[in-house]
Protein backbone atom coordinates (compact mmCIF):
# COMPACT_ATOMS: atom_id res chain seq x y z
CA MET A 1 15.24 74.96 -16.04
CA ALA A 2 14.82 71.23 -15.80
CA ALA A 3 13.10 68.79 -13.10
CA PRO A 4 15.34 67.57 -10.30
CA MET A 5 16.85 63.91 -11.11
CA ASN A 6 14.31 63.01 -8.32
CA SER A 7 11.05 64.12 -9.41
CA VAL A 8 11.64 62.93 -12.26
CA GLY A 9 12.60 59.17 -11.48
CA LYS A 10 8.97 59.83 -9.80
CA LEU A 11 7.09 60.45 -12.24
CA LEU A 12 8.50 57.98 -14.43
CA ALA A 13 7.89 55.23 -11.69
CA GLU A 14 4.52 56.42 -11.87
CA ARG A 15 3.69 56.12 -15.39
CA SER A 16 5.59 52.92 -16.32
CA PRO A 17 3.16 49.58 -16.80
CA PHE A 18 6.78 47.80 -15.93
CA ASN A 19 7.37 48.50 -12.22
CA SER A 20 8.74 46.97 -9.24
CA THR A 21 5.37 46.09 -8.56
CA SER A 22 3.55 44.71 -11.36
CA PHE A 23 6.11 41.27 -11.31
CA GLN A 24 4.04 38.92 -9.66
CA LYS A 25 6.21 34.99 -8.60
CA LYS A 26 4.68 32.03 -9.70
CA THR A 27 3.63 29.73 -7.40
CA ARG A 28 2.81 25.88 -7.01
CA SER A 29 -0.61 24.65 -7.46
CA LYS A 30 -1.90 23.92 -4.27
CA LEU A 31 -2.25 20.88 -3.29
CA ILE A 32 -4.95 18.24 -1.44
CA SER A 33 -4.86 18.80 2.50
CA ILE A 34 -6.43 15.99 3.45
CA PRO A 35 -5.53 14.30 7.09
CA GLY A 36 -3.26 10.53 6.89
CA THR A 37 -1.90 11.11 2.80
CA ARG A 38 1.36 12.46 1.24
CA PRO A 39 2.08 13.91 -2.08
CA SER A 40 5.17 11.32 -3.49
CA VAL A 41 8.57 12.55 -3.70
CA GLN A 42 9.04 10.50 -7.11
CA ASN A 43 5.79 11.95 -8.67
CA GLY A 44 4.18 14.31 -6.82
CA GLN A 45 0.81 11.17 -6.55
CA LEU A 46 -1.46 11.35 -3.37
CA LEU A 47 -0.45 9.04 -1.16
CA VAL A 48 -2.16 6.72 2.12
CA SER A 49 -0.47 4.29 3.97
CA THR A 50 -1.28 0.45 3.87
CA GLY A 51 -0.58 0.72 7.91
CA VAL A 52 2.93 -1.75 7.45
CA THR A 53 5.94 0.47 7.35
CA SER A 54 8.02 -1.86 5.76
CA LEU A 55 5.50 -2.50 2.73
CA ASP A 56 4.72 1.16 2.18
CA TYR A 57 8.58 1.87 1.89
CA LEU A 58 8.45 -1.13 -1.38
CA LEU A 59 5.59 0.70 -2.49
CA GLY A 60 7.67 3.55 -2.82
CA GLY A 61 6.46 5.78 -0.25
CA GLY A 62 2.70 4.11 -0.12
CA LEU A 63 -0.68 3.85 -1.72
CA ALA A 64 -1.41 5.85 -4.20
CA VAL A 65 -5.15 7.40 -4.11
CA GLY A 66 -6.80 5.85 -7.47
CA THR A 67 -4.95 2.46 -7.88
CA VAL A 68 -5.40 -1.35 -6.71
CA LEU A 69 -2.87 -3.16 -4.41
CA LEU A 70 -3.76 -6.83 -5.62
CA ILE A 71 -2.82 -9.17 -3.19
CA GLU A 72 -1.97 -13.32 -3.99
CA GLU A 73 -3.35 -14.74 -0.93
CA ASP A 74 -1.09 -17.73 0.58
CA ARG A 75 -2.44 -21.03 1.15
CA TYR A 76 -4.18 -20.14 4.21
CA ASP A 77 -5.15 -17.11 3.34
CA SER A 78 -3.70 -15.75 7.28
CA TYR A 79 -1.10 -13.57 5.62
CA SER A 80 -3.33 -11.69 2.77
CA ARG A 81 -6.13 -11.28 5.23
CA MET A 82 -3.78 -9.93 7.77
CA ILE A 83 -2.41 -7.28 5.87
CA LEU A 84 -5.87 -5.85 4.64
CA LYS A 85 -6.24 -5.57 8.35
CA TYR A 86 -4.14 -3.01 8.61
CA PHE A 87 -5.10 -1.14 5.57
CA LEU A 88 -8.46 -0.82 7.41
CA ALA A 89 -7.18 -0.26 10.57
CA GLU A 90 -4.60 2.73 9.06
CA GLY A 91 -8.09 3.94 7.86
CA VAL A 92 -10.03 4.12 11.23
CA VAL A 93 -6.66 5.51 13.02
CA CYS A 94 -6.86 8.13 9.98
CA ARG A 95 -10.20 8.73 9.98
CA HIS A 96 -11.48 7.70 6.26
CA GLU A 97 -14.11 6.05 4.98
CA LEU A 98 -13.53 2.25 4.35
CA PHE A 99 -16.31 0.14 2.16
CA VAL A 100 -15.81 -3.65 3.25
CA ALA A 101 -16.79 -6.33 0.93
CA ALA A 102 -16.68 -10.53 1.78
CA ALA A 103 -18.36 -13.68 0.47
CA GLN A 104 -17.54 -16.20 2.97
CA ASP A 105 -16.71 -13.70 6.85
CA ASN A 106 -19.29 -11.49 7.11
CA PRO A 107 -17.42 -7.52 6.80
CA ASP A 108 -18.67 -6.85 10.61
CA ASP A 109 -16.75 -10.08 12.03
CA ILE A 110 -13.38 -8.40 9.52
CA LEU A 111 -14.27 -4.92 11.52
CA GLN A 112 -14.11 -6.26 14.83
CA GLU A 113 -10.78 -8.31 14.28
CA LEU A 114 -8.35 -4.90 13.28
CA PRO A 115 -5.19 -4.84 14.92
CA ALA A 116 -5.06 -1.91 17.63
CA PRO A 117 -3.12 0.39 16.90
CA ILE A 118 -0.14 1.70 19.37
CA LEU A 119 -0.57 4.38 20.41
CA ASP A 120 2.62 5.10 22.14
CA ASP A 121 4.65 4.10 19.14
CA VAL A 122 6.97 7.03 19.10
CA VAL A 123 10.39 5.40 18.57
CA ILE A 124 13.33 6.92 20.72
CA PRO A 125 16.88 6.13 19.26
CA LYS A 126 18.61 4.47 22.17
CA PRO A 127 22.49 6.38 22.97
CA MET A 128 25.01 4.90 20.69
CA GLU A 129 27.59 3.27 23.33
CA GLN A 130 31.21 4.69 22.90
CA PRO A 131 33.79 1.63 22.21
CA ARG A 132 36.20 1.09 25.20
CA LEU A 133 39.31 1.65 25.09
CA SER A 134 41.39 -1.28 25.71
CA CYS A 135 45.11 -0.94 27.70
CA ASP A 136 46.53 -3.63 25.64
CA PRO A 137 48.08 -2.72 22.85
CA GLN A 138 48.01 -6.02 21.08
CA ASP A 139 44.07 -5.98 21.79
CA SER A 140 43.42 -2.18 20.37
CA LEU A 141 45.81 -3.64 17.31
CA ASP A 142 43.88 -7.07 16.88
CA ALA A 143 40.70 -4.63 17.02
CA MET A 144 42.23 -3.06 14.02
CA LYS A 145 43.24 -5.62 11.45
CA ILE A 146 39.56 -6.29 12.44
CA ALA A 147 37.83 -3.01 10.96
CA TRP A 148 40.38 -3.15 8.48
CA ARG A 149 39.16 -6.37 7.35
CA TYR A 150 35.51 -5.87 7.22
CA GLN A 151 35.49 -2.15 6.21
CA ASN A 152 34.70 -2.76 2.42
CA LEU A 153 32.14 -5.83 2.75
CA PRO A 154 28.38 -4.18 1.64
CA LYS A 155 26.33 -3.61 4.79
CA VAL A 156 22.73 -5.53 4.98
CA GLN A 157 20.32 -3.31 6.02
CA SER A 158 17.25 -6.23 6.67
CA ALA A 159 14.79 -3.55 7.73
CA LEU A 160 12.99 -1.75 5.19
CA ALA A 161 12.27 1.77 6.30
CA SER A 162 11.98 5.52 5.06
CA SER A 163 13.87 7.85 7.27
CA SER A 164 11.48 9.81 6.95
CA ARG A 165 7.72 7.91 9.34
CA PHE A 166 4.14 7.48 7.44
CA GLY A 167 1.26 5.37 9.09
CA HIS A 168 0.93 4.13 12.34
CA TYR A 169 2.81 1.22 14.58
CA TYR A 170 -0.23 -1.61 15.33
CA ASP A 171 -0.66 -4.95 18.09
CA VAL A 172 -1.19 -7.89 16.07
CA SER A 173 -2.29 -9.71 19.65
CA LYS A 174 -4.20 -7.20 20.85
CA THR A 175 -7.92 -6.20 19.02
CA MET A 176 -8.89 -2.56 17.85
CA ASP A 177 -11.16 -0.88 20.94
CA PRO A 178 -14.48 -0.64 19.27
CA GLU A 179 -14.85 3.19 20.53
CA ILE A 180 -12.18 3.43 17.99
CA ARG A 181 -13.76 1.36 15.56
CA GLN A 182 -17.03 2.70 15.83
CA ALA A 183 -15.68 6.34 14.68
CA ALA A 184 -15.04 5.29 11.72
CA LYS A 185 -17.61 5.52 8.69
CA CYS A 186 -17.90 1.79 6.98
CA HIS A 187 -19.69 0.62 4.26
CA CYS A 188 -20.62 -3.43 3.95
CA PHE A 189 -20.64 -5.53 1.10
CA TYR A 190 -21.67 -9.61 2.22
CA LEU A 191 -22.66 -11.36 -1.05
CA PRO A 192 -25.79 -13.68 0.64
CA GLU A 193 -27.36 -10.36 1.85
CA HIS A 194 -26.92 -8.81 -1.76
CA SER A 195 -27.96 -11.78 -3.83
CA PRO A 196 -29.36 -10.11 -7.27
CA PRO A 197 -32.09 -12.28 -9.25
CA SER A 198 -31.74 -14.14 -12.01
CA SER A 199 -30.72 -12.08 -15.18
CA THR A 200 -31.60 -12.95 -18.40
CA THR A 201 -29.77 -11.16 -19.84
CA HIS A 202 -26.32 -11.72 -21.23
CA SER A 203 -23.18 -9.95 -19.59
CA PRO A 204 -19.71 -10.83 -19.03
CA MET A 205 -19.40 -9.90 -15.86
CA LEU A 206 -21.13 -12.10 -13.06
CA GLU A 207 -24.09 -11.18 -10.74
CA SER A 208 -22.29 -10.77 -8.57
CA TYR A 209 -19.52 -8.27 -9.22
CA SER A 210 -21.75 -6.13 -10.67
CA ALA A 211 -23.77 -6.02 -7.56
CA LEU A 212 -20.50 -5.36 -5.96
CA LEU A 213 -19.53 -2.71 -8.57
CA LYS A 214 -23.00 -1.22 -8.22
CA SER A 215 -22.80 -0.77 -4.89
CA LEU A 216 -19.53 1.14 -4.42
CA GLN A 217 -20.28 3.24 -7.42
CA GLU A 218 -23.55 4.47 -5.18
CA VAL A 219 -21.07 5.19 -2.10
CA ILE A 220 -18.40 6.88 -4.06
CA HIS A 221 -21.24 8.71 -5.67
CA ARG A 222 -23.73 9.62 -2.14
CA GLU A 223 -20.53 9.84 -0.09
CA GLY A 224 -18.81 13.06 -2.25
CA PHE A 225 -15.59 10.67 -3.46
CA ASP A 226 -16.07 11.32 -6.91
CA LEU A 227 -13.55 13.96 -8.37
CA THR A 228 -16.57 15.36 -11.14
CA THR A 229 -19.11 16.39 -8.53
CA PRO A 230 -17.96 20.17 -7.34
CA MET A 231 -16.39 20.28 -3.67
CA SER A 232 -19.20 20.57 -0.89
CA LYS A 233 -17.38 19.92 2.39
CA SER A 234 -14.01 18.81 3.47
CA ARG A 235 -12.85 15.97 1.27
CA ASN A 236 -11.59 12.57 2.55
CA ILE A 237 -10.48 9.19 1.39
CA LEU A 238 -12.46 6.09 0.37
CA ARG A 239 -10.23 2.54 1.20
CA VAL A 240 -12.12 -0.03 -0.37
CA GLY A 241 -11.26 -3.93 0.93
CA LEU A 242 -12.51 -6.59 -1.84
CA HIS A 243 -11.69 -9.95 0.08
CA SER A 244 -11.19 -13.57 -2.16
CA LEU A 245 -12.05 -12.31 -5.40
CA GLY A 246 -12.31 -15.01 -7.55
CA SER A 247 -12.77 -17.80 -5.38
CA ALA A 248 -15.97 -20.39 -6.19
CA LEU A 249 -18.30 -18.28 -2.84
CA TRP A 250 -19.04 -15.09 -5.45
CA GLY A 251 -19.84 -17.23 -8.02
CA ASP A 252 -16.66 -18.23 -9.90
CA ASP A 253 -15.22 -20.37 -11.26
CA LEU A 254 -11.48 -19.20 -12.30
CA SER A 255 -10.45 -21.51 -9.08
CA CYS A 256 -12.77 -24.63 -9.96
CA HIS A 257 -11.36 -25.53 -13.77
CA ASP A 258 -8.79 -25.43 -15.73
CA ASN A 259 -11.30 -24.04 -18.35
CA PRO A 260 -13.54 -22.03 -16.33
CA ARG A 261 -16.74 -20.70 -18.16
CA HIS A 262 -15.85 -17.45 -16.39
CA ARG A 263 -12.79 -16.71 -17.80
CA HIS A 264 -13.82 -12.37 -18.51
CA THR A 265 -15.83 -12.08 -15.52
CA LEU A 266 -12.62 -10.82 -13.33
CA THR A 267 -10.67 -9.79 -15.66
CA THR A 268 -14.30 -7.19 -16.86
CA PHE A 269 -14.92 -6.22 -13.02
CA LEU A 270 -10.94 -4.79 -12.93
CA TYR A 271 -11.40 -3.15 -16.20
CA GLY A 272 -14.49 -1.18 -13.98
CA LEU A 273 -12.81 -1.15 -10.92
CA ARG A 274 -9.59 1.14 -11.75
CA ALA A 275 -12.15 3.19 -14.22
CA LEU A 276 -13.91 3.95 -10.62
CA LEU A 277 -11.21 4.94 -9.01
CA ARG A 278 -9.10 6.96 -11.39
CA SER A 279 -12.35 9.52 -10.69
CA SER A 280 -12.18 8.82 -7.27
CA LEU A 281 -10.26 10.10 -4.29
CA SER A 282 -10.57 6.39 -3.30
CA VAL A 283 -7.83 3.50 -3.02
CA ALA A 284 -8.40 -0.61 -3.10
CA VAL A 285 -6.76 -3.64 -1.50
CA VAL A 286 -7.67 -6.80 -3.62
CA THR A 287 -6.93 -10.63 -2.59
CA VAL A 288 -7.08 -12.96 -4.61
CA PRO A 289 -6.58 -16.68 -3.94
CA SER A 290 -4.12 -17.19 -6.93
CA HIS A 291 -2.82 -20.53 -5.34
CA LEU A 292 -5.93 -22.27 -7.49
CA ILE A 293 -6.48 -20.84 -10.25
CA GLN A 294 -4.48 -22.89 -12.68
CA ASP A 295 -4.82 -20.50 -16.08
CA ARG A 296 -0.94 -18.96 -15.34
CA ALA A 297 -1.84 -16.91 -18.15
CA LEU A 298 -5.35 -15.95 -16.83
CA MET A 299 -3.17 -14.71 -13.61
CA GLY A 300 -0.67 -12.46 -15.83
CA SER A 301 -4.11 -10.22 -17.21
CA ILE A 302 -4.71 -10.20 -13.37
CA THR A 303 -2.12 -8.98 -12.32
CA ARG A 304 -1.62 -6.30 -15.41
CA LEU A 305 -5.15 -5.27 -14.93
CA CYS A 306 -3.67 -3.57 -11.17
CA ASP A 307 -1.72 -1.01 -10.12
CA ASN A 308 0.69 -3.04 -7.38
CA ALA A 309 0.56 -6.84 -7.60
CA ILE A 310 2.79 -8.97 -4.42
CA ALA A 311 2.16 -11.97 -3.39
CA LEU A 312 2.54 -13.92 -0.09
CA GLU A 313 4.36 -17.83 -0.18
CA SER A 314 4.11 -19.11 3.45
CA PHE A 315 6.05 -21.57 5.10
CA ASN A 316 3.21 -23.49 6.53
CA GLY A 317 3.33 -27.15 5.09
CA SER A 318 6.50 -26.67 3.05
CA GLU A 319 9.78 -28.09 3.46
CA ARG A 320 11.59 -23.93 3.95
CA GLU A 321 9.01 -23.96 6.84
CA THR A 322 11.75 -26.58 8.29
CA ASN A 323 15.11 -25.23 6.63
CA THR A 324 17.21 -22.96 8.98
CA LEU A 325 18.17 -20.47 6.17
CA TYR A 326 14.34 -19.47 7.29
CA LYS A 327 14.11 -19.90 10.52
CA ASP A 328 13.84 -16.98 11.69
CA TYR A 329 11.10 -15.86 8.28
CA HIS A 330 7.37 -17.10 8.20
CA GLY A 331 7.39 -17.02 4.34
CA LEU A 332 8.70 -14.75 1.21
CA LEU A 333 6.76 -12.30 -0.65
CA HIS A 334 7.62 -11.45 -4.13
CA VAL A 335 6.30 -8.37 -6.49
CA HIS A 336 4.90 -8.49 -9.28
CA GLN A 337 3.66 -5.26 -10.47
CA VAL A 338 4.59 -2.10 -9.59
CA PRO A 339 3.30 1.01 -10.67
CA HIS A 340 3.50 3.72 -13.60
CA LEU A 341 2.04 6.91 -12.67
CA ASN A 342 2.98 10.00 -13.89
CA CYS A 343 6.53 8.90 -15.04
CA LEU A 344 7.87 7.31 -18.11
CA ALA A 345 9.28 4.55 -15.97
CA SER A 346 8.08 2.95 -12.46
CA GLN A 347 10.18 2.73 -9.46
CA LEU A 348 11.42 -1.16 -9.00
CA PRO A 349 12.42 -2.17 -5.23
CA ASP A 350 15.54 -1.76 -4.17
CA HIS A 351 15.36 -5.84 -2.53
CA LYS A 352 14.82 -8.49 -4.61
CA ASP A 353 14.38 -11.33 -2.24
CA LEU A 354 12.04 -10.55 0.41
CA ALA A 355 10.83 -12.00 3.69
CA PHE A 356 8.28 -11.51 5.85
CA LYS A 357 7.77 -12.76 9.06
CA LEU A 358 4.85 -12.07 12.42
CA LYS A 359 6.84 -11.17 15.20
CA ARG A 360 4.95 -10.96 18.76
CA LYS A 361 2.86 -7.94 17.78
CA GLN A 362 4.12 -6.99 14.76
CA PHE A 363 4.10 -7.96 10.70
CA SER A 364 6.90 -6.85 9.27
CA ILE A 365 8.62 -7.30 5.99
CA GLU A 366 12.19 -7.56 5.79
CA SER A 367 15.42 -8.15 3.23
CA LEU A 368 16.98 -11.95 3.21
CA GLY A 369 20.21 -11.11 5.04
CA PHE A 370 21.84 -14.61 3.75
CA SER A 371 21.49 -13.04 -0.11
CA CYS A 372 24.83 -11.81 -0.87
CA SER A 373 26.63 -14.98 0.70
CA LEU A 374 24.32 -17.13 -1.69
CA ILE A 375 26.17 -15.32 -4.70
CA PRO A 376 28.94 -17.61 -6.27
CA ALA A 377 31.96 -14.99 -6.31
CA GLU A 378 33.59 -14.11 -9.54
CA GLY A 379 36.93 -15.12 -11.00
């Protein structure tokens, strides 16, 4: 006599190796979760904020960990130094560790000038006012004509910002509270205090750059930022700020002669810096006085060795300072290099004509509003 159907089904389910419980859904690998970071929507790279919201938008959402941002300084090193302080201030607020190197100013003095974070920087959108309906039919007709006339014109959005907020806002008119600043762990490299003894061996890198790279490498290995070492504690980000590399204060003659003797010292240093950052949870911002470097081909090589490169052109002392077209801005910003990370093509910025301005409390980058009016009409 045959067994009941429910008994046969139960017996087959027990003996079959392909029952429903053997199927496991494939899951993605878990990303590294570090405060003050987020993955890129374009390539999945881990991003940190530069401290300037509009600059984050321009770089594709933020600065990728393991990369170098080159800032070509303006003539008076006012605004490039300010962006560097924004970058370091964001690291303090996110509890990242800092590595600051300089040859002219003591890094402690740079840290004391960090802008104060705006704690109540949550933007509350204002309710939109409803247009009042006019009782006069002629006014309504004129309004309809004006709306129809301008409805097909392209809309120009001057402010650069993304829909999702990343980073914090800062008040440049105030300095950061010492208690907040001292809570972050900072590593300083002041060149006059790290002058190495003169070496008789020939090296393609200056002694100042060699000492800087060695000091940074020691911090990365000692503090556990190296990805090759086993993870023994919670991961963190090291923000590296290198001020005015290539200047004569570093012992470099790139900005002093048309045919410098130390022609390849800075490029050799950048090779070592990139190799160090690629294998660690570190990100660097480097400023260079490019306006003093006469060899433009050499400056192009320096730019290509960095993942991101922007140039600041200040209006101070130029004819554009009194030009009415630029009355709302303090200078122009040029994008010279964008990163090519985990993708075949880089994410190019949507805006070409960019300018920056320093408001009463905030530094921002905007698209020039008059750029559309300068384009000649076709036909």
